[in-house]
Protein backbone atom coordinates (compact mmCIF):
# COMPACT_ATOMS: atom_id res chain seq x y z
CA ALA A 1 0.00 0.02 -0.07
CA MET A 2 1.49 3.40 -0.90
CA ALA A 3 2.02 5.82 2.05
CA ALA A 4 -0.16 8.84 2.02
CA PRO A 5 2.16 11.72 1.49
CA ARG A 6 2.54 13.83 5.37
CA ARG A 7 0.86 16.79 4.86
CA PRO A 8 2.98 19.37 6.74
CA SER A 9 1.01 19.62 10.14
CA GLY A 10 0.32 22.69 11.53
CA GLY A 11 0.60 20.97 15.15
CA GLY A 12 2.66 23.37 16.83
CA LEU A 13 0.26 26.46 17.17
CA ARG A 14 -2.76 25.04 18.36
CA ARG A 15 -0.77 22.56 20.98
CA ALA A 16 -0.36 25.08 23.77
CA PRO A 17 -4.30 25.89 23.83
CA GLN A 18 -5.36 22.78 23.68
CA ASP A 19 -2.94 21.86 26.57
CA GLY A 20 -4.73 24.26 28.83
CA ARG A 21 -7.62 23.19 27.83
CA LEU A 22 -6.80 19.22 28.77
CA GLU A 23 -5.40 20.80 31.53
CA GLU A 24 -9.11 22.24 33.09
CA ILE A 25 -10.20 19.42 32.50
CA ASN A 26 -7.80 17.30 34.27
CA LYS A 27 -8.43 19.50 37.08
CA GLU A 28 -12.40 18.73 37.17
CA PHE A 29 -11.47 14.90 36.62
CA LEU A 30 -8.96 15.48 40.29
CA SER A 31 -11.75 17.45 42.03
CA ASP A 32 -14.37 14.59 40.69
CA PRO A 33 -15.63 12.63 44.00
CA LYS A 34 -16.35 9.97 41.01
CA PHE A 35 -12.71 9.08 41.01
CA SER A 36 -11.70 9.88 44.54
CA ASP A 37 -10.14 6.50 45.35
CA GLU A 38 -8.58 5.81 41.76
CA GLU A 39 -4.66 5.43 42.58
CA ASP A 40 -2.49 8.23 41.05
CA LEU A 41 -4.86 9.78 39.66
CA GLU A 42 -2.87 12.96 38.49
CA GLU A 43 0.08 11.01 37.18
CA LYS A 44 -2.44 9.01 34.88
CA LEU A 45 -4.04 12.13 33.81
CA ALA A 46 -0.80 13.45 32.67
CA VAL A 47 -0.45 10.20 30.78
CA PHE A 48 -3.79 10.46 29.44
CA LYS A 49 -3.04 13.94 28.45
CA GLU A 50 -0.28 13.28 26.65
CA LYS A 51 -1.61 10.31 25.09
CA TYR A 52 -4.66 12.59 23.76
CA MET A 53 -2.19 14.67 22.36
CA GLU A 54 -0.67 12.54 20.75
CA PHE A 55 -3.55 11.34 17.99
CA ASP A 56 -3.00 12.96 15.05
CA LEU A 57 -6.70 15.10 16.64
CA ASN A 58 -8.70 16.81 13.99
CA ASN A 59 -8.73 20.83 14.13
CA GLN A 60 -11.54 20.84 16.64
CA GLY A 61 -9.22 18.78 19.24
CA GLU A 62 -10.98 16.01 19.01
CA ILE A 63 -9.98 12.47 18.19
CA ASP A 64 -11.79 11.76 14.66
CA LEU A 65 -11.65 8.37 12.89
CA MET A 66 -8.74 9.15 10.74
CA SER A 67 -7.00 9.98 13.72
CA VAL A 68 -7.64 6.59 15.60
CA LYS A 69 -6.82 4.91 12.54
CA ARG A 70 -3.12 6.51 11.97
CA MET A 71 -2.71 5.66 15.74
CA MET A 72 -3.56 2.07 15.39
CA GLU A 73 -1.64 1.70 12.29
CA LYS A 74 1.44 3.87 14.46
CA MET A 75 0.74 1.12 17.25
CA GLY A 76 1.11 -2.07 14.76
CA ALA A 77 -2.40 -2.82 15.41
CA PRO A 78 -4.30 -1.40 12.43
CA LYS A 79 -8.22 -2.25 12.61
CA THR A 80 -10.73 -1.72 9.60
CA HIS A 81 -13.07 1.34 9.15
CA LEU A 82 -16.13 -1.02 10.77
CA GLU A 83 -13.56 -1.74 13.50
CA LEU A 84 -12.56 1.67 13.91
CA LYS A 85 -16.42 2.79 14.02
CA LYS A 86 -17.25 0.14 16.56
CA MET A 87 -13.76 1.36 19.15
CA ILE A 88 -15.19 4.83 18.66
CA SER A 89 -18.49 4.37 19.41
CA GLU A 90 -18.01 2.02 22.44
CA VAL A 91 -15.97 5.30 24.17
CA THR A 92 -18.73 7.58 22.95
CA GLY A 93 -21.34 5.26 24.07
CA GLY A 94 -22.68 5.81 20.00
CA VAL A 95 -23.28 9.95 20.43
CA SER A 96 -20.73 11.08 18.34
CA GLU A 97 -18.31 10.10 15.58
CA THR A 98 -15.62 11.77 17.38
CA ILE A 99 -13.98 11.05 20.95
CA SER A 100 -13.85 14.33 23.62
CA TYR A 101 -10.96 14.33 26.02
CA GLN A 102 -13.97 13.81 28.56
CA ASP A 103 -14.69 10.40 26.80
CA PHE A 104 -11.13 9.01 26.85
CA VAL A 105 -10.25 9.44 30.11
CA ASN A 106 -13.71 8.56 31.54
CA VAL A 107 -13.15 5.24 29.42
CA MET A 108 -9.64 4.88 30.27
CA LEU A 109 -10.70 5.08 34.56
CA GLY A 110 -13.76 3.74 34.10
CA LYS A 111 -14.64 -0.50 34.68
CA ARG A 112 -16.14 -1.07 31.14
CA SER A 113 -13.26 -2.25 28.80
CA ALA A 114 -12.41 -0.87 25.40
CA VAL A 115 -10.52 -1.57 22.50
CA LEU A 116 -9.04 1.97 22.73
CA LYS A 117 -8.55 1.05 26.36
CA LEU A 118 -7.18 -2.42 26.10
CA VAL A 119 -4.72 -1.04 23.24
CA MET A 120 -3.42 1.56 25.13
CA MET A 121 -2.60 -0.47 28.25
CA PHE A 122 -0.47 -2.93 25.86
CA GLU A 123 1.33 0.38 24.27
CA GLY A 124 1.80 1.03 28.23
CA LYS A 125 3.13 -1.82 28.51
CA ALA A 126 4.98 -1.96 25.76
CA ASN A 127 7.00 1.11 26.06
CA GLU A 128 8.10 -0.16 30.27
CA ASN A 129 9.43 -3.51 28.22
CA ASN A 130 12.01 -1.73 26.45
CA PRO A 131 12.69 1.40 28.86
CA LYS A 132 14.68 4.51 27.12
CA PRO A 133 18.11 4.72 28.69
CA SER A 134 18.27 7.68 31.27
CA GLY A 135 21.20 9.66 32.54
CA PRO A 136 23.78 10.86 30.05
CA PRO A 137 25.10 8.62 27.25
CA PRO A 138 28.10 6.50 27.52
CA GLU A 139 31.32 8.36 27.18
CA ARG A 140 33.16 7.62 23.81
CA ASP A 141 36.81 7.34 24.15
CA ILE A 142 38.73 8.82 22.00
CA SER A 143 39.69 5.00 20.20
CA SER A 144 35.84 5.12 18.85
CA LEU A 145 36.22 7.86 17.00
CA PRO A 146 35.73 7.92 13.22
């Protein structure tokens, strides 16, 4: 299959206001008694926010079908159009074609299992298995120079 040409993304500019908006929503979740017994809620929300912003969002700041499609392909779990629609309707309860950040967090924190949630958990685990090396890069000694 031919790769679609990358459209230059003007992502830099709309990120900042979105970050602030999601931060506000995170605060609402933090003060929601429904989630008061959730462990590490603040850390989880920080991760969800990053994840949500990683989806190539449509300009409405919501995750649409194409965004989910690209994300799944990037994670090496491509889905059919039908599966993608089903994933989105699992998250939104079938009321919307796009996933808002509230929907996203509700599913990630909620008890019901959704494909999107499983994939996210799986991706998180995949990343834990190969932790990025932390700390300064190893010293290069003179003999290793070209």
